[in-house]
């Protein structure tokens, strides 16, 4: 019963996440799928709209108590570490191939900088 109540409270976030993941996976398969340019452009616009909806859903989260706030902090920390780890593995792989995508390195640098700057900001704000 507790799992069902938890699922219902996150239904908006879960549904947006699932559709967002499906669209992103379809972009990975773009070379095997023959999509007209209008369909591809529509998917890009839909991706942007969904990502903004997902971002606002996450941004508007307000914890009801300290326990829920701890869950949010742990989820944020886990997503940062996994994201940074995957970007690092991608950079290492590309370095071994002697072909590094600047977007990969830039994303990793920005993630690290934002983490450090936000940590300092919130430490000083308290």
N, C-alpha and C. Protein backbone atom coordinates (compact mmCIF):
# COMPACT_ATOMS: atom_id res chain seq x y z
N UNK A 1 0.82 -1.19 0.00
CA UNK A 1 0.00 0.00 0.00
C UNK A 1 0.87 1.25 0.00
N UNK A 2 1.97 1.22 0.75
CA UNK A 2 2.85 2.38 0.83
C UNK A 2 3.48 2.67 -0.53
N UNK A 3 3.84 1.62 -1.27
CA UNK A 3 4.43 1.80 -2.60
C UNK A 3 3.42 2.45 -3.53
N UNK A 4 2.17 2.04 -3.46
CA UNK A 4 1.12 2.60 -4.31
C UNK A 4 0.91 4.08 -4.01
N UNK A 5 0.87 4.46 -2.73
CA UNK A 5 0.70 5.87 -2.36
C UNK A 5 1.90 6.70 -2.83
N UNK A 6 3.09 6.15 -2.70
CA UNK A 6 4.29 6.85 -3.16
C UNK A 6 4.24 7.03 -4.67
N UNK A 7 3.83 5.98 -5.38
CA UNK A 7 3.71 6.06 -6.84
C UNK A 7 2.73 7.14 -7.25
N UNK A 8 1.58 7.20 -6.58
CA UNK A 8 0.56 8.21 -6.91
C UNK A 8 1.06 9.63 -6.65
N UNK A 9 1.87 9.81 -5.62
CA UNK A 9 2.36 11.16 -5.33
C UNK A 9 3.40 11.63 -6.34
N UNK A 10 4.03 10.67 -7.03
CA UNK A 10 5.04 11.03 -8.03
C UNK A 10 4.58 10.76 -9.46
N UNK A 11 3.29 10.57 -9.68
CA UNK A 11 2.78 10.17 -10.99
C UNK A 11 3.14 11.18 -12.08
N UNK A 12 3.06 12.47 -11.78
CA UNK A 12 3.38 13.49 -12.78
C UNK A 12 4.85 13.41 -13.16
N UNK A 13 5.72 13.34 -12.18
CA UNK A 13 7.16 13.26 -12.44
C UNK A 13 7.51 11.97 -13.18
N UNK A 14 6.90 10.87 -12.78
CA UNK A 14 7.19 9.58 -13.42
C UNK A 14 6.72 9.57 -14.87
N UNK A 15 5.52 10.08 -15.12
CA UNK A 15 4.99 10.06 -16.49
C UNK A 15 5.81 10.97 -17.41
N UNK A 16 6.18 12.15 -16.94
CA UNK A 16 7.02 13.04 -17.74
C UNK A 16 8.38 12.38 -18.00
N UNK A 17 8.94 11.74 -16.98
CA UNK A 17 10.23 11.08 -17.13
C UNK A 17 10.18 9.97 -18.17
N UNK A 18 9.13 9.16 -18.14
CA UNK A 18 9.02 8.04 -19.08
C UNK A 18 8.93 8.55 -20.52
N UNK A 19 8.10 9.54 -20.76
CA UNK A 19 7.97 10.09 -22.12
C UNK A 19 9.28 10.73 -22.55
N UNK A 20 9.94 11.44 -21.66
CA UNK A 20 11.23 12.07 -21.95
C UNK A 20 12.27 11.01 -22.33
N UNK A 21 12.32 9.92 -21.61
CA UNK A 21 13.27 8.84 -21.90
C UNK A 21 12.95 8.19 -23.25
N UNK A 22 11.68 7.99 -23.55
CA UNK A 22 11.30 7.39 -24.84
C UNK A 22 11.75 8.28 -26.00
N UNK A 23 11.54 9.58 -25.87
CA UNK A 23 11.97 10.50 -26.93
C UNK A 23 13.49 10.49 -27.08
N UNK A 24 14.19 10.50 -25.96
CA UNK A 24 15.65 10.49 -26.02
C UNK A 24 16.17 9.20 -26.65
N UNK A 25 15.56 8.08 -26.35
CA UNK A 25 15.96 6.82 -26.97
C UNK A 25 15.67 6.83 -28.46
N UNK A 26 14.58 7.47 -28.86
CA UNK A 26 14.28 7.54 -30.29
C UNK A 26 15.35 8.36 -31.03
N UNK A 27 15.95 9.33 -30.36
CA UNK A 27 17.03 10.10 -30.98
C UNK A 27 18.29 9.25 -31.13
N UNK A 28 18.50 8.29 -30.24
CA UNK A 28 19.65 7.40 -30.38
C UNK A 28 19.50 6.51 -31.61
N UNK A 29 18.28 6.18 -31.96
CA UNK A 29 18.01 5.29 -33.08
C UNK A 29 17.73 6.05 -34.38
N UNK A 30 18.04 7.35 -34.41
CA UNK A 30 17.67 8.19 -35.55
C UNK A 30 18.31 7.72 -36.86
N UNK A 31 19.49 7.12 -36.81
CA UNK A 31 20.12 6.67 -38.04
C UNK A 31 19.43 5.43 -38.60
N UNK A 32 18.80 4.63 -37.74
CA UNK A 32 18.11 3.44 -38.21
C UNK A 32 16.66 3.73 -38.58
N UNK A 33 16.11 4.78 -38.02
CA UNK A 33 14.75 5.18 -38.37
C UNK A 33 14.82 6.27 -39.43
N UNK A 34 13.94 6.20 -40.35
CA UNK A 34 13.90 7.26 -41.35
C UNK A 34 12.72 8.15 -40.98
N UNK A 35 13.06 9.28 -40.37
CA UNK A 35 12.04 10.22 -39.95
C UNK A 35 12.08 11.43 -40.88
N UNK A 36 10.93 11.87 -41.29
CA UNK A 36 10.92 13.13 -42.05
C UNK A 36 11.42 14.26 -41.16
N UNK A 37 11.96 15.28 -41.77
CA UNK A 37 12.53 16.40 -41.03
C UNK A 37 11.48 17.05 -40.12
N UNK A 38 10.22 17.11 -40.57
CA UNK A 38 9.18 17.73 -39.75
C UNK A 38 8.91 16.92 -38.48
N UNK A 39 8.96 15.58 -38.58
CA UNK A 39 8.75 14.73 -37.41
C UNK A 39 9.92 14.90 -36.44
N UNK A 40 11.13 14.92 -36.97
CA UNK A 40 12.31 15.11 -36.12
C UNK A 40 12.27 16.46 -35.42
N UNK A 41 11.90 17.51 -36.14
CA UNK A 41 11.81 18.84 -35.54
C UNK A 41 10.72 18.87 -34.48
N UNK A 42 9.59 18.23 -34.76
CA UNK A 42 8.50 18.18 -33.78
C UNK A 42 8.94 17.46 -32.51
N UNK A 43 9.70 16.37 -32.67
CA UNK A 43 10.20 15.65 -31.50
C UNK A 43 11.17 16.51 -30.69
N UNK A 44 11.99 17.30 -31.38
CA UNK A 44 12.92 18.18 -30.67
C UNK A 44 12.16 19.22 -29.86
N UNK A 45 11.13 19.83 -30.47
CA UNK A 45 10.31 20.81 -29.76
C UNK A 45 9.61 20.15 -28.57
N UNK A 46 9.06 18.95 -28.79
CA UNK A 46 8.39 18.22 -27.72
C UNK A 46 9.38 17.87 -26.60
N UNK A 47 10.60 17.51 -26.97
CA UNK A 47 11.64 17.21 -26.00
C UNK A 47 11.94 18.44 -25.13
N UNK A 48 12.06 19.58 -25.75
CA UNK A 48 12.33 20.83 -25.02
C UNK A 48 11.19 21.14 -24.05
N UNK A 49 9.96 21.01 -24.54
CA UNK A 49 8.79 21.30 -23.69
C UNK A 49 8.73 20.33 -22.52
N UNK A 50 8.95 19.04 -22.79
CA UNK A 50 8.92 18.05 -21.72
C UNK A 50 10.04 18.26 -20.71
N UNK A 51 11.22 18.61 -21.21
CA UNK A 51 12.32 18.85 -20.29
C UNK A 51 12.02 20.05 -19.40
N UNK A 52 11.43 21.10 -19.96
CA UNK A 52 11.05 22.26 -19.15
C UNK A 52 9.98 21.87 -18.13
N UNK A 53 9.03 21.04 -18.53
CA UNK A 53 8.00 20.58 -17.59
C UNK A 53 8.62 19.75 -16.47
N UNK A 54 9.56 18.89 -16.84
CA UNK A 54 10.24 18.07 -15.84
C UNK A 54 11.04 18.95 -14.87
N UNK A 55 11.73 19.94 -15.44
CA UNK A 55 12.53 20.85 -14.62
C UNK A 55 11.64 21.63 -13.64
N UNK A 56 10.51 22.13 -14.11
CA UNK A 56 9.64 22.88 -13.20
C UNK A 56 9.04 21.96 -12.14
N UNK A 57 8.76 20.71 -12.51
CA UNK A 57 8.25 19.75 -11.52
C UNK A 57 9.27 19.53 -10.41
N UNK A 58 10.52 19.34 -10.80
CA UNK A 58 11.58 19.13 -9.81
C UNK A 58 11.82 20.41 -9.01
N UNK A 59 11.84 21.55 -9.68
CA UNK A 59 12.13 22.82 -9.02
C UNK A 59 11.07 23.19 -7.99
N UNK A 60 9.80 22.86 -8.26
CA UNK A 60 8.70 23.24 -7.37
C UNK A 60 8.52 22.28 -6.20
N UNK A 61 9.30 21.21 -6.14
CA UNK A 61 9.17 20.26 -5.04
C UNK A 61 9.42 20.96 -3.72
N UNK A 62 8.47 20.81 -2.83
CA UNK A 62 8.62 21.38 -1.49
C UNK A 62 8.48 20.23 -0.50
N UNK A 63 9.55 19.98 0.25
CA UNK A 63 9.48 18.88 1.23
C UNK A 63 8.51 19.23 2.36
N UNK A 64 7.77 18.22 2.80
CA UNK A 64 6.82 18.43 3.89
C UNK A 64 7.47 18.32 5.25
N UNK A 65 8.57 17.56 5.32
CA UNK A 65 9.27 17.40 6.58
C UNK A 65 10.75 17.13 6.31
N UNK A 66 11.51 16.96 7.40
CA UNK A 66 12.96 16.77 7.27
C UNK A 66 13.31 15.46 6.57
N UNK A 67 12.50 14.44 6.78
CA UNK A 67 12.75 13.15 6.15
C UNK A 67 12.62 13.27 4.63
N UNK A 68 11.58 13.94 4.18
CA UNK A 68 11.38 14.12 2.74
C UNK A 68 12.49 14.99 2.14
N UNK A 69 12.94 15.98 2.90
CA UNK A 69 14.05 16.82 2.43
C UNK A 69 15.33 15.99 2.29
N UNK A 70 15.57 15.09 3.21
CA UNK A 70 16.72 14.19 3.11
C UNK A 70 16.62 13.29 1.88
N UNK A 71 15.43 12.83 1.57
CA UNK A 71 15.24 12.00 0.37
C UNK A 71 15.57 12.80 -0.89
N UNK A 72 15.13 14.05 -0.92
CA UNK A 72 15.43 14.91 -2.07
C UNK A 72 16.94 15.13 -2.20
N UNK A 73 17.59 15.39 -1.09
CA UNK A 73 19.03 15.63 -1.12
C UNK A 73 19.79 14.38 -1.57
N UNK A 74 19.38 13.22 -1.07
CA UNK A 74 20.03 11.97 -1.47
C UNK A 74 19.80 11.68 -2.95
N UNK A 75 18.59 11.94 -3.45
CA UNK A 75 18.30 11.71 -4.87
C UNK A 75 19.13 12.66 -5.74
N UNK A 76 19.26 13.91 -5.32
CA UNK A 76 20.08 14.88 -6.05
C UNK A 76 21.54 14.48 -6.06
N UNK A 77 22.04 14.04 -4.93
CA UNK A 77 23.43 13.61 -4.84
C UNK A 77 23.68 12.39 -5.72
N UNK A 78 22.77 11.43 -5.67
CA UNK A 78 22.92 10.22 -6.47
C UNK A 78 22.89 10.55 -7.97
N UNK A 79 21.95 11.40 -8.38
CA UNK A 79 21.87 11.74 -9.80
C UNK A 79 23.11 12.49 -10.26
N UNK A 80 23.65 13.37 -9.41
CA UNK A 80 24.88 14.07 -9.77
C UNK A 80 26.04 13.09 -9.93
N UNK A 81 26.19 12.20 -8.96
CA UNK A 81 27.32 11.26 -9.01
C UNK A 81 27.22 10.31 -10.20
N UNK A 82 26.04 9.82 -10.47
CA UNK A 82 25.87 8.92 -11.61
C UNK A 82 26.10 9.68 -12.92
N UNK A 83 25.51 10.87 -13.04
CA UNK A 83 25.69 11.67 -14.25
C UNK A 83 27.15 12.03 -14.48
N UNK A 84 27.83 12.48 -13.43
CA UNK A 84 29.25 12.82 -13.55
C UNK A 84 30.09 11.58 -13.85
N UNK A 85 29.73 10.46 -13.26
CA UNK A 85 30.46 9.21 -13.53
C UNK A 85 30.32 8.77 -14.98
N UNK A 86 29.12 8.86 -15.51
CA UNK A 86 28.90 8.46 -16.90
C UNK A 86 29.62 9.42 -17.85
N UNK A 87 29.56 10.71 -17.57
CA UNK A 87 30.30 11.67 -18.40
C UNK A 87 31.81 11.42 -18.33
N UNK A 88 32.30 11.08 -17.15
CA UNK A 88 33.73 10.79 -17.00
C UNK A 88 34.11 9.53 -17.78
N UNK A 89 33.26 8.48 -17.70
CA UNK A 89 33.54 7.27 -18.47
C UNK A 89 33.52 7.57 -19.98
N UNK A 90 32.58 8.40 -20.41
CA UNK A 90 32.52 8.79 -21.82
C UNK A 90 33.76 9.55 -22.24
N UNK A 91 34.22 10.46 -21.37
CA UNK A 91 35.44 11.22 -21.68
C UNK A 91 36.66 10.31 -21.74
N UNK A 92 36.75 9.37 -20.82
CA UNK A 92 37.88 8.43 -20.83
C UNK A 92 37.86 7.58 -22.10
N UNK A 93 36.67 7.10 -22.47
CA UNK A 93 36.55 6.31 -23.69
C UNK A 93 36.97 7.14 -24.91
N UNK A 94 36.47 8.37 -24.99
CA UNK A 94 36.81 9.21 -26.13
C UNK A 94 38.28 9.59 -26.13
N UNK A 95 38.86 9.79 -24.96
CA UNK A 95 40.30 10.06 -24.90
C UNK A 95 41.10 8.88 -25.42
N UNK A 96 40.64 7.68 -25.12
CA UNK A 96 41.35 6.49 -25.62
C UNK A 96 41.21 6.34 -27.13
N UNK A 97 40.16 6.93 -27.70
CA UNK A 97 39.95 6.91 -29.15
C UNK A 97 40.59 8.13 -29.83
N UNK A 98 41.19 9.02 -29.03
CA UNK A 98 41.82 10.26 -29.51
C UNK A 98 40.84 11.16 -30.25
N UNK A 99 39.60 11.17 -29.77
CA UNK A 99 38.57 12.02 -30.35
C UNK A 99 37.61 12.43 -29.24
N UNK A 100 37.81 13.61 -28.68
CA UNK A 100 37.03 14.05 -27.53
C UNK A 100 35.97 15.06 -27.97
N UNK A 101 34.73 14.78 -27.60
CA UNK A 101 33.63 15.69 -27.90
C UNK A 101 33.65 16.82 -26.87
N UNK A 102 33.79 18.07 -27.32
CA UNK A 102 33.86 19.18 -26.36
C UNK A 102 32.59 19.33 -25.52
N UNK A 103 31.43 18.91 -26.03
CA UNK A 103 30.20 19.00 -25.25
C UNK A 103 30.25 18.08 -24.02
N UNK A 104 30.88 16.94 -24.17
CA UNK A 104 31.00 16.00 -23.07
C UNK A 104 31.84 16.60 -21.94
N UNK A 105 32.99 17.14 -22.30
CA UNK A 105 33.88 17.76 -21.31
C UNK A 105 33.23 19.00 -20.72
N UNK A 106 32.58 19.81 -21.56
CA UNK A 106 31.91 21.03 -21.08
C UNK A 106 30.81 20.70 -20.08
N UNK A 107 30.02 19.67 -20.37
CA UNK A 107 28.94 19.29 -19.46
C UNK A 107 29.50 18.86 -18.11
N UNK A 108 30.58 18.10 -18.12
CA UNK A 108 31.20 17.65 -16.88
C UNK A 108 31.76 18.84 -16.09
N UNK A 109 32.43 19.75 -16.77
CA UNK A 109 32.97 20.95 -16.11
C UNK A 109 31.85 21.78 -15.50
N UNK A 110 30.77 21.98 -16.25
CA UNK A 110 29.65 22.79 -15.76
C UNK A 110 28.99 22.12 -14.55
N UNK A 111 28.81 20.80 -14.61
CA UNK A 111 28.22 20.09 -13.47
C UNK A 111 29.06 20.28 -12.21
N UNK A 112 30.37 20.15 -12.35
CA UNK A 112 31.27 20.28 -11.20
C UNK A 112 31.26 21.71 -10.68
N UNK A 113 31.35 22.69 -11.58
CA UNK A 113 31.35 24.09 -11.16
C UNK A 113 30.05 24.47 -10.45
N UNK A 114 28.92 24.06 -11.01
CA UNK A 114 27.63 24.38 -10.39
C UNK A 114 27.52 23.72 -9.02
N UNK A 115 28.01 22.51 -8.89
CA UNK A 115 27.97 21.81 -7.60
C UNK A 115 28.79 22.59 -6.56
N UNK A 116 30.01 22.98 -6.93
CA UNK A 116 30.88 23.69 -5.99
C UNK A 116 30.30 25.07 -5.65
N UNK A 117 29.89 25.82 -6.66
CA UNK A 117 29.36 27.18 -6.44
C UNK A 117 28.08 27.14 -5.61
N UNK A 118 27.18 26.20 -5.93
CA UNK A 118 25.93 26.14 -5.16
C UNK A 118 26.19 25.70 -3.72
N UNK A 119 27.15 24.82 -3.54
CA UNK A 119 27.50 24.39 -2.18
C UNK A 119 28.02 25.58 -1.36
N UNK A 120 28.91 26.37 -1.96
CA UNK A 120 29.45 27.55 -1.28
C UNK A 120 28.32 28.55 -1.01
N UNK A 121 27.48 28.79 -2.00
CA UNK A 121 26.38 29.76 -1.86
C UNK A 121 25.47 29.37 -0.70
N UNK A 122 25.02 28.12 -0.68
CA UNK A 122 24.09 27.69 0.36
C UNK A 122 24.76 27.63 1.73
N UNK A 123 26.05 27.37 1.76
CA UNK A 123 26.76 27.37 3.03
C UNK A 123 26.83 28.79 3.61
N UNK A 124 27.08 29.76 2.72
CA UNK A 124 27.15 31.15 3.16
C UNK A 124 25.76 31.73 3.46
N UNK A 125 24.73 31.23 2.80
CA UNK A 125 23.37 31.74 3.00
C UNK A 125 22.80 31.32 4.36
N UNK A 126 23.27 30.20 4.89
CA UNK A 126 22.75 29.74 6.18
C UNK A 126 23.28 30.47 7.34
